[in-house]
Amino acid sequence: MSTATETKERKAPAGERVADWADGRLGIYSLAKANMRKIFPDHWSFMLGEICLYSFIILILTGVYLTLFFHPSMNEVHYDGSYIPMQGVAMSEAFKSTLEISFDVRGGLLIRQIHHWSALIFIAAMLVHMMRVFFTGAFRKPREVNWVFGFLLLVLGMFTGFTGYSLPDDLLSGTGVRFMEGAMLSVPIVGTYLSFFFFGGEFPGGDFVGRLYSVHILLLPGIMMGLLVAHLILVFYHKHTQFAGPGKTEKNVVGMPLLPVYMAKAGGFFFLVFGVIALIAGIASINPIWALGPYRPDHVSTGAQPDWYMGFSEGLIRAMPGWEINLWGHTLALGVFIPFTIFPLVLATIAVYPFIESWVTGDKREHHILDRPRNAPTRTGFGVAWLTWYVILLIAGGNDMFAQYFHLSINSITWFARIGFFVGPVIAFIITKRICLGLQRRDRDKVLHGRETGIIKRLPHGEFVEVHEPLSQGKLHTLTSYEQYEPAEIGPTVDENGVERKVKPLEKLRAKLSKGYYGENNQIPKPTVEEYKEIQSGHGHH
């Protein structure tokens, strides 16, 4: 009797009571039970997205620390801090507080460099991650919206980085802001209004640091945080993509559970990323504003270059001829306005590409198995062409530096960029497509004839042949499990009554594009079962 009473009166542990209380109000237990064992595939390329996430977390942590000491003001003061070469120099409070962070705040310079390096790695990881998604076709249904979210994160990350390195009001960042002002002024009719609104009057005004500060620490990070949460929710909801292999279908995921295996690996990888960034920040100086000095509108620093992710926008303007048109007493600076227009158009094309490909192929099915880039040669060619275009514009954006370090003519580099802007992507597309088709032929031969062993055998009648080793069933599945699309056809233009129907221009365009994607000479036919059985039976196989 006493035992039953003690059992009845015994309380649950405190942790269990707290968990029960939270579960009764939030439903955490049922949610965790349904999702904590979710399966994630294991492939090194999936870690690129994790690097993006972890570097963003590091950016937030270090950014919060830096906001405690930074003063976003352009009020003029005289420096009297510990950095002797700058003492007595007139500067803004923003520049002075950045110097104090670098020399007087405990750990300030390290945190500042971690923050800057994290921004560079964050954007680089996002770009490479999006290229992985693009080349493997991971953006197809049902992930088109998630592609747009990732694209917006990349663009917002670029502008967040630009606003961030513009805050110290040093000579380099001031030159970049001046560049932005020139782009604003090139907009017809409203350009001067945009500039006056942003700078609070004539450049440089007295407000732009404070306004960039609000945008940098509140507006853009807030939007990015929302997009990141939405991006991760969709990744969780749609289940993860995976590469083709034995046992992998469009309806399952082969990999490890979220808890405990994946979370343990992800936690360790976070500290690895943090450690590498901290190591880079500790040994590689970046943005040493004390060597540049405060910004003055009448000065320009030698070799002024933006961070790499904004270099192609400057390359557009440097490669563009300095065309101007005078209309009704107004000057249109086409040498700036045309690149300023091309920049968002190119970005918009990247954002809507999944919808374009879906329309061209007519494929409305869900896809959870990734493509090998070689099996989609047209798409892969487009990706490499875009990267080639990007690199050419980076070279144009740094034409003065390339001319200086490689002892070349700056005019020659500019003309190389102008010609390469049109020719380079075309050449890259053709070469990439041919390489992909060559790799498809190689895969076809490996499926039909097996793997080359390097062993030479002499047959009884004197012929020398190389011995081939048949592939495993798993390898055969990987090399043959992809789909080959048929190009879309316009169809009959005359109905059964002999009445000719009108073919819409969009229908003709779709048929031509589809033929360009999947028509003749755009994919190598996969080996058939009959071909494989014939060769494996001994006819023509050694």
Protein backbone atom coordinates (compact mmCIF):
# COMPACT_ATOMS: atom_id res chain seq x y z
CA MET A 1 0.00 0.00 0.00
CA SER A 2 2.78 2.39 0.93
CA THR A 3 4.65 1.54 -2.26
CA ALA A 4 1.64 2.45 -4.40
CA THR A 5 1.22 5.73 -2.54
CA GLU A 6 4.87 6.66 -3.01
CA THR A 7 4.66 5.84 -6.71
CA LYS A 8 1.55 7.97 -7.05
CA GLU A 9 3.04 10.97 -5.26
CA ARG A 10 6.48 10.84 -6.91
CA LYS A 11 7.06 13.83 -9.22
CA ALA A 12 8.59 13.67 -12.68
CA PRO A 13 12.05 15.24 -13.14
CA ALA A 14 12.10 19.00 -13.69
CA GLY A 15 13.25 18.71 -17.29
CA GLU A 16 10.43 16.33 -18.12
CA ARG A 17 7.86 18.63 -16.52
CA VAL A 18 9.16 21.59 -18.54
CA ALA A 19 9.01 19.51 -21.72
CA ASP A 20 5.44 18.42 -20.95
CA TRP A 21 4.44 22.02 -20.25
CA ALA A 22 5.94 23.25 -23.56
CA ASP A 23 4.49 20.34 -25.54
CA GLY A 24 1.01 21.02 -24.17
CA ARG A 25 1.13 24.55 -25.54
CA LEU A 26 3.34 24.31 -28.63
CA GLY A 27 3.07 20.70 -29.78
CA ILE A 28 6.85 20.40 -29.92
CA TYR A 29 6.98 16.66 -29.21
CA SER A 30 4.73 15.62 -32.08
CA LEU A 31 6.52 18.02 -34.43
CA ALA A 32 9.94 16.71 -33.41
CA LYS A 33 8.81 13.09 -33.59
CA ALA A 34 7.67 13.61 -37.18
CA ASN A 35 10.75 15.50 -38.43
CA MET A 36 13.83 14.77 -36.32
CA ARG A 37 14.38 11.46 -38.11
CA LYS A 38 14.14 13.06 -41.54
CA ILE A 39 16.69 11.58 -43.96
CA PHE A 40 19.37 13.70 -45.63
CA PRO A 41 21.63 12.34 -48.41
CA ASP A 42 25.38 12.42 -47.95
CA HIS A 43 27.41 14.16 -50.66
CA TRP A 44 30.22 16.69 -50.36
CA SER A 45 28.55 19.22 -52.68
CA PHE A 46 25.62 19.59 -50.26
CA MET A 47 28.01 21.17 -47.76
CA LEU A 48 28.19 24.29 -49.94
CA GLY A 49 24.77 25.33 -48.67
CA GLU A 50 25.92 24.70 -45.10
CA ILE A 51 28.91 27.01 -45.62
CA CYS A 52 26.46 29.73 -46.71
CA LEU A 53 24.36 29.23 -43.57
CA TYR A 54 27.28 29.11 -41.15
CA SER A 55 29.06 32.14 -42.62
CA PHE A 56 25.78 34.06 -42.39
CA ILE A 57 25.50 33.15 -38.70
CA ILE A 58 29.09 34.32 -38.17
CA LEU A 59 28.24 37.57 -39.95
CA ILE A 60 25.31 38.19 -37.61
CA LEU A 61 27.35 37.43 -34.47
CA THR A 62 30.32 39.59 -35.42
CA GLY A 63 28.06 42.34 -36.79
CA VAL A 64 26.24 42.65 -33.47
CA TYR A 65 29.60 43.09 -31.71
CA LEU A 66 30.74 45.78 -34.17
CA THR A 67 27.51 47.80 -33.84
CA LEU A 68 28.32 48.36 -30.16
CA PHE A 69 31.32 50.54 -31.07
CA PHE A 70 30.58 52.01 -34.51
CA HIS A 71 29.23 55.57 -34.79
CA PRO A 72 27.36 56.08 -38.10
CA SER A 73 27.89 59.81 -38.32
CA MET A 74 29.61 62.07 -40.85
CA ASN A 75 30.21 64.86 -38.33
CA GLU A 76 33.79 66.07 -38.73
CA VAL A 77 36.15 65.42 -35.81
CA HIS A 78 39.93 65.29 -35.29
CA TYR A 79 41.48 61.95 -34.46
CA ASP A 80 43.30 61.69 -31.13
CA GLY A 81 43.49 57.92 -30.70
CA SER A 82 46.35 55.50 -30.35
CA TYR A 83 47.25 55.25 -34.07
CA ILE A 84 49.92 57.96 -34.17
CA PRO A 85 50.15 58.55 -37.98
CA MET A 86 46.49 59.65 -38.01
CA GLN A 87 46.55 61.91 -34.96
CA GLY A 88 45.21 65.40 -35.68
CA VAL A 89 43.75 64.41 -39.05
CA ALA A 90 40.23 65.66 -39.79
CA MET A 91 37.81 62.81 -40.44
CA SER A 92 34.22 61.72 -39.93
CA GLU A 93 33.03 60.05 -36.74
CA ALA A 94 32.41 56.89 -38.79
CA PHE A 95 36.06 56.70 -39.83
CA LYS A 96 37.28 57.55 -36.34
CA SER A 97 35.13 54.88 -34.67
CA THR A 98 36.39 52.31 -37.19
CA LEU A 99 39.97 53.20 -36.28
CA GLU A 100 39.07 52.85 -32.60
CA ILE A 101 37.54 49.42 -33.26
CA SER A 102 40.74 48.40 -35.04
CA PHE A 103 43.27 49.72 -32.47
CA ASP A 104 41.56 50.37 -29.14
CA VAL A 105 38.70 47.86 -28.75
CA ARG A 106 39.82 44.51 -27.35
CA GLY A 107 39.63 42.01 -30.21
CA GLY A 108 38.08 44.66 -32.44
CA LEU A 109 40.40 44.26 -35.42
CA LEU A 110 40.03 40.46 -35.37
CA ILE A 111 36.23 40.69 -35.20
CA ARG A 112 36.23 43.27 -37.97
CA GLN A 113 38.32 41.05 -40.21
CA ILE A 114 36.24 37.97 -39.39
CA HIS A 115 33.17 39.97 -40.37
CA HIS A 116 34.65 41.06 -43.69
CA TRP A 117 36.07 37.64 -44.58
CA SER A 118 32.76 36.01 -43.64
CA ALA A 119 30.98 38.32 -46.06
CA LEU A 120 33.33 37.35 -48.89
CA ILE A 121 33.02 33.64 -48.12
CA PHE A 122 29.24 33.91 -47.69
CA ILE A 123 28.74 35.37 -51.17
CA ALA A 124 31.32 33.06 -52.76
CA ALA A 125 29.65 30.02 -51.18
CA MET A 126 26.23 31.20 -52.36
CA LEU A 127 27.49 31.63 -55.91
CA VAL A 128 29.12 28.18 -55.99
CA HIS A 129 26.06 26.65 -54.29
CA MET A 130 23.76 28.16 -56.93
CA MET A 131 26.05 26.87 -59.68
CA ARG A 132 25.80 23.38 -58.18
CA VAL A 133 22.01 23.70 -58.12
CA PHE A 134 22.00 25.01 -61.70
CA PHE A 135 24.33 22.44 -63.26
CA THR A 136 22.54 19.48 -61.60
CA GLY A 137 19.02 20.71 -62.37
CA ALA A 138 18.05 20.92 -58.70
CA PHE A 139 15.95 24.02 -59.49
CA ARG A 140 13.26 22.05 -61.34
CA LYS A 141 9.75 21.48 -60.03
CA PRO A 142 8.91 21.76 -57.14
CA ARG A 143 11.94 23.94 -56.28
CA GLU A 144 11.54 26.90 -58.64
CA VAL A 145 10.41 29.19 -55.81
CA ASN A 146 13.33 28.08 -53.67
CA TRP A 147 15.68 28.96 -56.54
CA VAL A 148 14.21 32.47 -56.56
CA PHE A 149 14.69 32.70 -52.78
CA GLY A 150 18.33 31.66 -53.16
CA PHE A 151 18.83 34.14 -55.99
CA LEU A 152 17.38 36.96 -53.88
CA LEU A 153 19.70 35.97 -51.02
CA LEU A 154 22.68 36.23 -53.37
CA VAL A 155 21.66 39.65 -54.72
CA LEU A 156 20.80 41.02 -51.27
CA GLY A 157 24.09 39.63 -49.96
CA MET A 158 25.96 41.54 -52.65
CA PHE A 159 24.26 44.83 -51.77
CA THR A 160 24.62 44.17 -48.05
CA GLY A 161 28.34 43.72 -48.60
CA PHE A 162 28.49 46.93 -50.62
CA THR A 163 26.71 48.92 -47.90
CA GLY A 164 28.95 47.32 -45.27
CA TYR A 165 32.32 48.21 -46.77
CA SER A 166 31.01 51.71 -47.53
CA LEU A 167 30.35 52.49 -43.83
CA PRO A 168 33.93 53.31 -42.65
CA ASP A 169 33.98 56.40 -44.92
CA ASP A 170 37.57 55.72 -45.96
CA LEU A 171 39.08 56.74 -49.27
CA LEU A 172 38.41 53.37 -50.95
CA SER A 173 34.78 53.04 -49.87
CA GLY A 174 34.14 56.71 -50.68
CA THR A 175 35.33 56.06 -54.23
CA GLY A 176 32.83 53.20 -54.45
CA VAL A 177 30.03 55.42 -53.21
CA ARG A 178 31.03 58.03 -55.80
CA PHE A 179 30.76 55.29 -58.43
CA MET A 180 27.22 54.55 -57.21
CA GLU A 181 26.36 58.26 -57.39
CA GLY A 182 27.48 58.36 -61.02
CA ALA A 183 25.21 55.40 -61.81
CA MET A 184 22.28 57.21 -60.16
CA LEU A 185 22.92 60.43 -62.07
CA SER A 186 22.89 58.54 -65.39
CA VAL A 187 19.20 57.65 -65.00
CA PRO A 188 17.24 59.98 -67.29
CA ILE A 189 14.87 62.54 -65.74
CA VAL A 190 14.94 61.22 -62.15
CA GLY A 191 18.69 60.66 -61.71
CA THR A 192 19.41 63.93 -59.90
CA TYR A 193 16.39 63.44 -57.66
CA LEU A 194 17.60 59.96 -56.69
CA SER A 195 21.06 61.30 -55.86
CA PHE A 196 19.76 64.24 -53.82
CA PHE A 197 17.38 61.97 -51.91
CA PHE A 198 20.05 59.41 -51.08
CA PHE A 199 22.84 61.81 -50.14
CA GLY A 200 20.64 64.48 -48.59
CA GLY A 201 21.88 67.10 -51.02
CA GLU A 202 25.01 67.51 -53.13
CA PHE A 203 27.45 64.60 -52.97
CA PRO A 204 28.75 63.52 -50.50
CA GLY A 205 26.23 65.23 -48.25
CA GLY A 206 26.06 64.40 -44.59
CA ASP A 207 23.52 61.59 -44.41
CA PHE A 208 24.61 58.66 -46.54
CA VAL A 209 26.62 56.81 -43.85
CA GLY A 210 23.66 56.91 -41.45
CA ARG A 211 21.29 55.75 -44.17
CA LEU A 212 23.59 52.97 -45.35
CA TYR A 213 24.00 51.92 -41.72
CA SER A 214 20.24 51.49 -41.25
CA VAL A 215 20.00 49.56 -44.51
CA HIS A 216 23.04 47.43 -43.61
CA ILE A 217 22.09 46.36 -40.09
CA LEU A 218 18.28 46.38 -40.25
CA LEU A 219 16.58 46.32 -43.64
CA LEU A 220 18.74 43.96 -45.71
CA PRO A 221 19.63 41.48 -42.91
CA GLY A 222 15.97 41.34 -41.86
CA ILE A 223 14.83 40.49 -45.38
CA MET A 224 17.67 37.99 -45.76
CA MET A 225 16.77 36.32 -42.48
CA GLY A 226 13.18 35.88 -43.64
CA LEU A 227 14.29 34.52 -47.02
CA LEU A 228 16.76 32.16 -45.35
CA VAL A 229 14.09 30.74 -43.03
CA ALA A 230 11.71 30.31 -45.97
CA HIS A 231 14.50 28.69 -48.01
CA LEU A 232 15.26 26.15 -45.27
CA ILE A 233 11.58 25.41 -44.68
CA LEU A 234 11.12 24.60 -48.36
CA VAL A 235 14.27 22.43 -48.37
CA PHE A 236 12.81 20.53 -45.41
CA TYR A 237 9.33 20.33 -46.93
CA HIS A 238 10.29 19.24 -50.45
CA LYS A 239 12.86 16.71 -49.14
CA HIS A 240 16.44 16.84 -50.32
CA THR A 241 17.59 16.10 -53.85
CA GLN A 242 20.05 13.26 -54.42
CA PHE A 243 22.32 11.97 -57.14
CA ALA A 244 21.32 8.90 -59.11
CA GLY A 245 22.37 5.54 -57.75
CA PRO A 246 21.12 2.05 -56.82
CA GLY A 247 18.01 2.18 -54.65
CA LYS A 248 17.46 5.90 -55.23
CA THR A 249 14.17 6.92 -56.82
CA GLU A 250 12.04 10.04 -57.17
CA LYS A 251 9.97 8.88 -54.19
CA ASN A 252 12.63 8.14 -51.56
CA VAL A 253 15.77 9.61 -50.01
CA VAL A 254 18.82 7.48 -49.19
CA GLY A 255 21.03 8.90 -46.48
CA MET A 256 21.34 9.56 -42.76
CA PRO A 257 18.73 10.77 -40.23
CA LEU A 258 18.73 14.37 -39.05
CA LEU A 259 19.22 13.26 -35.46
CA PRO A 260 21.70 12.27 -34.23
CA VAL A 261 24.03 11.66 -37.19
CA TYR A 262 23.43 14.67 -39.45
CA MET A 263 23.18 17.20 -36.60
CA ALA A 264 26.46 15.95 -35.10
CA LYS A 265 28.24 16.30 -38.43
CA ALA A 266 26.65 19.70 -39.10
CA GLY A 267 27.66 20.99 -35.65
CA GLY A 268 31.24 19.93 -36.17
CA PHE A 269 31.28 21.46 -39.64
CA PHE A 270 30.05 24.80 -38.24
CA PHE A 271 33.00 25.04 -35.87
CA LEU A 272 35.33 23.99 -38.69
CA VAL A 273 34.02 26.83 -40.91
CA PHE A 274 34.25 29.28 -37.99
CA GLY A 275 37.82 28.17 -37.27
CA VAL A 276 38.96 28.49 -40.88
CA ILE A 277 37.44 31.98 -41.19
CA ALA A 278 39.04 33.04 -37.90
CA LEU A 279 42.39 31.68 -39.06
CA ILE A 280 42.18 33.58 -42.36
CA ALA A 281 41.14 36.75 -40.52
CA GLY A 282 44.05 36.37 -38.10
CA ILE A 283 46.77 36.04 -40.74
CA ALA A 284 45.43 37.92 -43.80
CA SER A 285 44.75 41.64 -43.45
CA ILE A 286 41.76 43.00 -45.32
CA ASN A 287 40.53 46.57 -45.80
CA PRO A 288 43.27 48.37 -43.81
CA ILE A 289 41.55 51.75 -43.76
CA TRP A 290 44.42 53.37 -41.79
CA ALA A 291 46.62 52.94 -44.88
CA LEU A 292 44.05 54.74 -47.06
CA GLY A 293 42.91 57.62 -44.90
CA PRO A 294 39.51 59.31 -44.63
CA TYR A 295 37.45 60.04 -47.72
CA ARG A 296 37.78 63.37 -49.49
CA PRO A 297 35.76 64.07 -52.66
CA ASP A 298 38.81 65.52 -54.42
CA HIS A 299 40.95 62.41 -53.83
CA VAL A 300 40.90 58.96 -55.42
CA SER A 301 42.96 56.07 -54.05
CA THR A 302 45.31 54.31 -56.45
CA GLY A 303 44.08 50.91 -57.61
CA ALA A 304 40.58 51.43 -56.17
CA GLN A 305 38.70 48.16 -56.62
CA PRO A 306 35.40 46.95 -55.15
CA ASP A 307 35.07 43.55 -53.51
CA TRP A 308 35.09 40.79 -56.13
CA TYR A 309 31.32 40.21 -56.17
CA MET A 310 30.67 43.80 -57.32
CA GLY A 311 33.61 43.87 -59.74
CA PHE A 312 31.58 42.77 -62.75
CA SER A 313 29.23 45.76 -62.40
CA GLU A 314 32.23 48.09 -62.57
CA GLY A 315 33.57 46.04 -65.46
CA LEU A 316 30.37 46.73 -67.41
CA ILE A 317 30.94 50.47 -67.11
CA ARG A 318 34.69 50.35 -67.79
CA ALA A 319 34.20 48.23 -70.92
CA MET A 320 31.36 50.38 -72.23
CA PRO A 321 32.38 53.21 -74.60
CA GLY A 322 31.77 56.67 -73.18
CA TRP A 323 28.77 57.46 -75.35
CA GLU A 324 26.71 60.58 -74.67
CA ILE A 325 23.62 62.02 -76.32
CA ASN A 326 22.41 65.61 -75.96
CA LEU A 327 18.63 65.95 -76.17
CA TRP A 328 16.62 69.10 -75.45
CA GLY A 329 19.43 70.60 -73.44
CA HIS A 330 20.01 67.44 -71.37
CA THR A 331 22.91 65.00 -71.58
CA LEU A 332 22.22 61.26 -71.50
CA ALA A 333 25.32 59.41 -70.26
CA LEU A 334 24.74 56.16 -72.17
CA GLY A 335 28.21 54.94 -71.24
CA VAL A 336 26.91 54.56 -67.69
CA PHE A 337 23.16 54.14 -68.13
CA ILE A 338 23.31 51.18 -70.56
CA PRO A 339 25.50 49.06 -68.22
CA PHE A 340 23.31 50.22 -65.33
CA THR A 341 20.34 48.74 -67.26
CA ILE A 342 22.08 45.53 -68.35
CA PHE A 343 23.07 44.69 -64.77
CA PRO A 344 19.52 44.03 -63.43
CA LEU A 345 18.40 42.42 -66.71
CA VAL A 346 21.12 39.77 -66.47
CA LEU A 347 20.25 39.12 -62.84
CA ALA A 348 16.55 38.84 -63.68
CA THR A 349 17.33 36.28 -66.41
CA ILE A 350 19.12 34.11 -63.86
CA ALA A 351 16.12 34.35 -61.52
CA VAL A 352 13.55 33.21 -64.10
CA TYR A 353 15.66 30.52 -65.82
CA PRO A 354 13.86 27.57 -64.12
CA PHE A 355 10.55 28.78 -65.55
CA ILE A 356 12.11 29.24 -68.99
CA GLU A 357 13.52 25.71 -69.07
CA SER A 358 10.24 24.26 -67.81
CA TRP A 359 8.38 26.05 -70.59
CA VAL A 360 10.86 24.94 -73.28
CA THR A 361 10.85 21.28 -72.23
CA GLY A 362 7.18 21.13 -71.29
CA ASP A 363 8.21 19.04 -68.30
CA LYS A 364 5.79 19.63 -65.39
CA ARG A 365 6.79 16.61 -63.29
CA GLU A 366 8.50 16.72 -59.91
CA HIS A 367 12.24 15.97 -59.92
CA HIS A 368 14.20 14.79 -56.90
CA ILE A 369 17.02 12.97 -58.73
CA LEU A 370 19.81 15.28 -59.88
CA ASP A 371 21.23 15.43 -63.39
CA ARG A 372 24.87 14.90 -64.19
CA PRO A 373 25.98 18.10 -65.94
CA ARG A 374 27.23 16.16 -68.97
CA ASN A 375 23.72 14.79 -69.56
CA ALA A 376 22.29 18.31 -69.96
CA PRO A 377 24.88 19.82 -72.35
CA THR A 378 22.85 22.88 -73.36
CA ARG A 379 22.12 23.90 -69.78
CA THR A 380 25.73 23.26 -68.77
CA GLY A 381 26.91 25.32 -71.74
CA PHE A 382 24.73 28.22 -70.62
CA GLY A 383 26.16 28.03 -67.10
CA VAL A 384 29.77 28.04 -68.27
CA ALA A 385 29.01 30.85 -70.73
CA TRP A 386 27.63 32.97 -67.90
CA LEU A 387 30.69 32.29 -65.74
CA THR A 388 32.95 33.19 -68.67
CA TRP A 389 31.08 36.45 -69.14
CA TYR A 390 31.42 37.14 -65.43
CA VAL A 391 35.19 36.55 -65.45
CA ILE A 392 35.66 38.79 -68.52
CA LEU A 393 33.81 41.61 -66.76
CA LEU A 394 35.93 41.09 -63.64
CA ILE A 395 39.01 41.56 -65.82
CA ALA A 396 37.45 44.73 -67.27
CA GLY A 397 36.67 45.99 -63.76
CA GLY A 398 40.35 45.63 -62.83
CA ASN A 399 41.87 46.69 -66.13
CA ASP A 400 44.20 49.20 -64.46
CA MET A 401 45.52 46.56 -62.04
CA PHE A 402 46.05 43.98 -64.78
CA ALA A 403 47.84 46.60 -66.88
CA GLN A 404 50.10 47.51 -63.97
CA TYR A 405 51.04 44.01 -62.77
CA PHE A 406 51.32 42.31 -66.17
CA HIS A 407 52.85 45.33 -68.00
CA LEU A 408 50.03 45.46 -70.57
CA SER A 409 48.24 48.28 -72.30
CA ILE A 410 45.09 49.31 -70.47
CA ASN A 411 43.48 50.04 -73.83
CA SER A 412 44.27 46.51 -75.03
CA ILE A 413 42.66 45.02 -71.92
CA THR A 414 39.58 47.21 -72.39
CA TRP A 415 39.21 46.12 -76.01
CA PHE A 416 39.73 42.50 -75.01
CA ALA A 417 36.82 42.88 -72.56
CA ARG A 418 34.63 44.58 -75.18
CA ILE A 419 35.19 41.84 -77.74
CA GLY A 420 35.15 39.07 -75.15
CA PHE A 421 31.83 40.35 -73.79
CA PHE A 422 30.16 39.11 -77.00
CA VAL A 423 32.54 36.41 -78.24
CA GLY A 424 33.75 34.76 -75.01
CA PRO A 425 30.41 33.29 -73.82
CA VAL A 426 29.68 31.90 -77.31
CA ILE A 427 33.06 30.15 -77.51
CA ALA A 428 32.67 28.86 -73.94
CA PHE A 429 29.19 27.52 -74.77
CA ILE A 430 30.37 25.66 -77.86
CA ILE A 431 33.43 24.15 -76.17
CA THR A 432 31.46 23.11 -73.06
CA LYS A 433 28.74 21.51 -75.14
CA ARG A 434 31.28 19.51 -77.15
CA ILE A 435 33.00 18.35 -73.96
CA CYS A 436 29.65 17.21 -72.52
CA LEU A 437 28.81 15.28 -75.69
CA GLY A 438 32.27 13.70 -75.64
CA LEU A 439 31.75 12.60 -72.04
CA GLN A 440 28.36 11.14 -73.00
CA ARG A 441 30.01 9.10 -75.77
CA ARG A 442 32.61 7.90 -73.28
CA ASP A 443 29.87 6.82 -70.85
CA ARG A 444 28.08 5.01 -73.67
CA ASP A 445 31.24 3.09 -74.57
CA LYS A 446 31.85 2.20 -70.91
CA VAL A 447 28.32 0.83 -70.59
CA LEU A 448 28.58 -1.26 -73.77
CA HIS A 449 32.21 -2.40 -73.57
CA GLY A 450 33.14 -2.05 -69.90
CA ARG A 451 36.03 -0.34 -68.21
CA GLU A 452 39.46 -0.28 -69.85
CA THR A 453 41.86 -2.33 -67.74
CA GLY A 454 45.11 -1.48 -69.54
CA ILE A 455 45.79 -5.20 -70.14
CA ILE A 456 46.71 -6.05 -73.74
CA LYS A 457 45.83 -9.55 -74.97
CA ARG A 458 46.94 -11.31 -78.13
CA LEU A 459 44.27 -13.43 -79.81
CA PRO A 460 45.07 -16.78 -81.50
CA HIS A 461 44.95 -15.22 -84.96
CA GLY A 462 47.52 -12.56 -83.95
CA GLU A 463 45.27 -9.59 -83.22
CA PHE A 464 46.09 -7.47 -80.14
CA VAL A 465 43.12 -6.21 -78.12
CA GLU A 466 42.65 -4.47 -74.79
CA VAL A 467 40.75 -6.39 -72.13
CA HIS A 468 37.66 -4.62 -70.79
CA GLU A 469 36.17 -5.26 -67.38
CA PRO A 470 32.36 -5.20 -67.17
CA LEU A 471 30.91 -2.48 -64.96
CA SER A 472 29.06 -3.25 -61.77
CA GLN A 473 25.27 -3.06 -61.75
CA GLY A 474 25.44 0.03 -59.54
CA LYS A 475 27.72 1.84 -61.98
CA LEU A 476 25.57 0.80 -64.92
CA HIS A 477 22.54 2.22 -63.15
CA THR A 478 24.29 5.53 -62.49
CA LEU A 479 25.38 5.89 -66.13
CA THR A 480 22.02 4.99 -67.68
CA SER A 481 19.36 6.22 -65.23
CA TYR A 482 18.98 9.69 -66.71
CA GLU A 483 16.17 10.72 -69.05
CA GLN A 484 16.50 11.94 -72.60
CA TYR A 485 13.89 14.43 -73.74
CA GLU A 486 12.40 14.62 -77.19
CA PRO A 487 12.23 18.11 -78.71
CA ALA A 488 8.77 19.66 -78.73
CA GLU A 489 7.03 19.65 -82.09
CA ILE A 490 4.58 22.17 -83.48
CA GLY A 491 2.36 19.34 -84.65
CA PRO A 492 0.09 19.24 -87.69
CA THR A 493 -0.92 22.66 -88.96
CA VAL A 494 -3.96 21.25 -90.80
CA ASP A 495 -6.82 19.55 -88.96
CA GLU A 496 -8.80 16.49 -90.14
CA ASN A 497 -11.14 18.76 -92.12
CA GLY A 498 -8.32 20.33 -94.05
CA VAL A 499 -8.57 23.62 -92.23
CA GLU A 500 -5.20 25.23 -91.59
CA ARG A 501 -4.72 26.45 -88.05
CA LYS A 502 -2.71 29.52 -87.17
CA VAL A 503 0.53 28.71 -85.36
CA LYS A 504 1.24 31.24 -82.63
CA PRO A 505 4.67 32.91 -82.57
CA LEU A 506 5.31 31.65 -79.02
CA GLU A 507 4.60 28.09 -80.16
CA LYS A 508 7.13 28.44 -82.98
CA LEU A 509 9.68 29.94 -80.59
CA ARG A 510 9.18 27.12 -78.08
CA ALA A 511 9.66 24.48 -80.80
CA LYS A 512 12.90 26.12 -81.99
CA LEU A 513 14.28 26.46 -78.47
CA SER A 514 13.31 22.89 -77.64
CA LYS A 515 15.09 21.67 -80.75
CA GLY A 516 18.13 23.68 -79.69
CA TYR A 517 18.03 21.97 -76.30
CA TYR A 518 17.28 18.38 -77.30
CA GLY A 519 17.43 18.13 -81.08
CA GLU A 520 20.01 16.42 -83.25
CA ASN A 521 23.65 16.85 -82.11
CA ASN A 522 22.50 18.01 -78.67
CA GLN A 523 22.52 14.63 -76.93
CA ILE A 524 24.05 11.21 -77.53
CA PRO A 525 21.49 8.36 -77.59
CA LYS A 526 21.69 6.10 -74.57
CA PRO A 527 22.66 2.47 -75.20
CA THR A 528 19.65 0.21 -75.49
CA VAL A 529 19.18 -3.07 -73.65
CA GLU A 530 19.44 -4.93 -76.95
CA GLU A 531 22.82 -3.33 -77.76
CA TYR A 532 24.12 -4.16 -74.30
CA LYS A 533 22.98 -7.81 -74.47
CA GLU A 534 24.42 -8.27 -77.96
CA ILE A 535 27.87 -7.02 -76.95
CA GLN A 536 27.86 -8.86 -73.61
CA SER A 537 26.97 -12.10 -75.38
CA GLY A 538 30.39 -12.02 -77.02
CA HIS A 539 29.89 -10.28 -80.35
CA GLY A 540 32.54 -7.60 -80.56
CA HIS A 541 33.44 -7.76 -76.81
CA HIS A 542 36.89 -8.72 -75.60
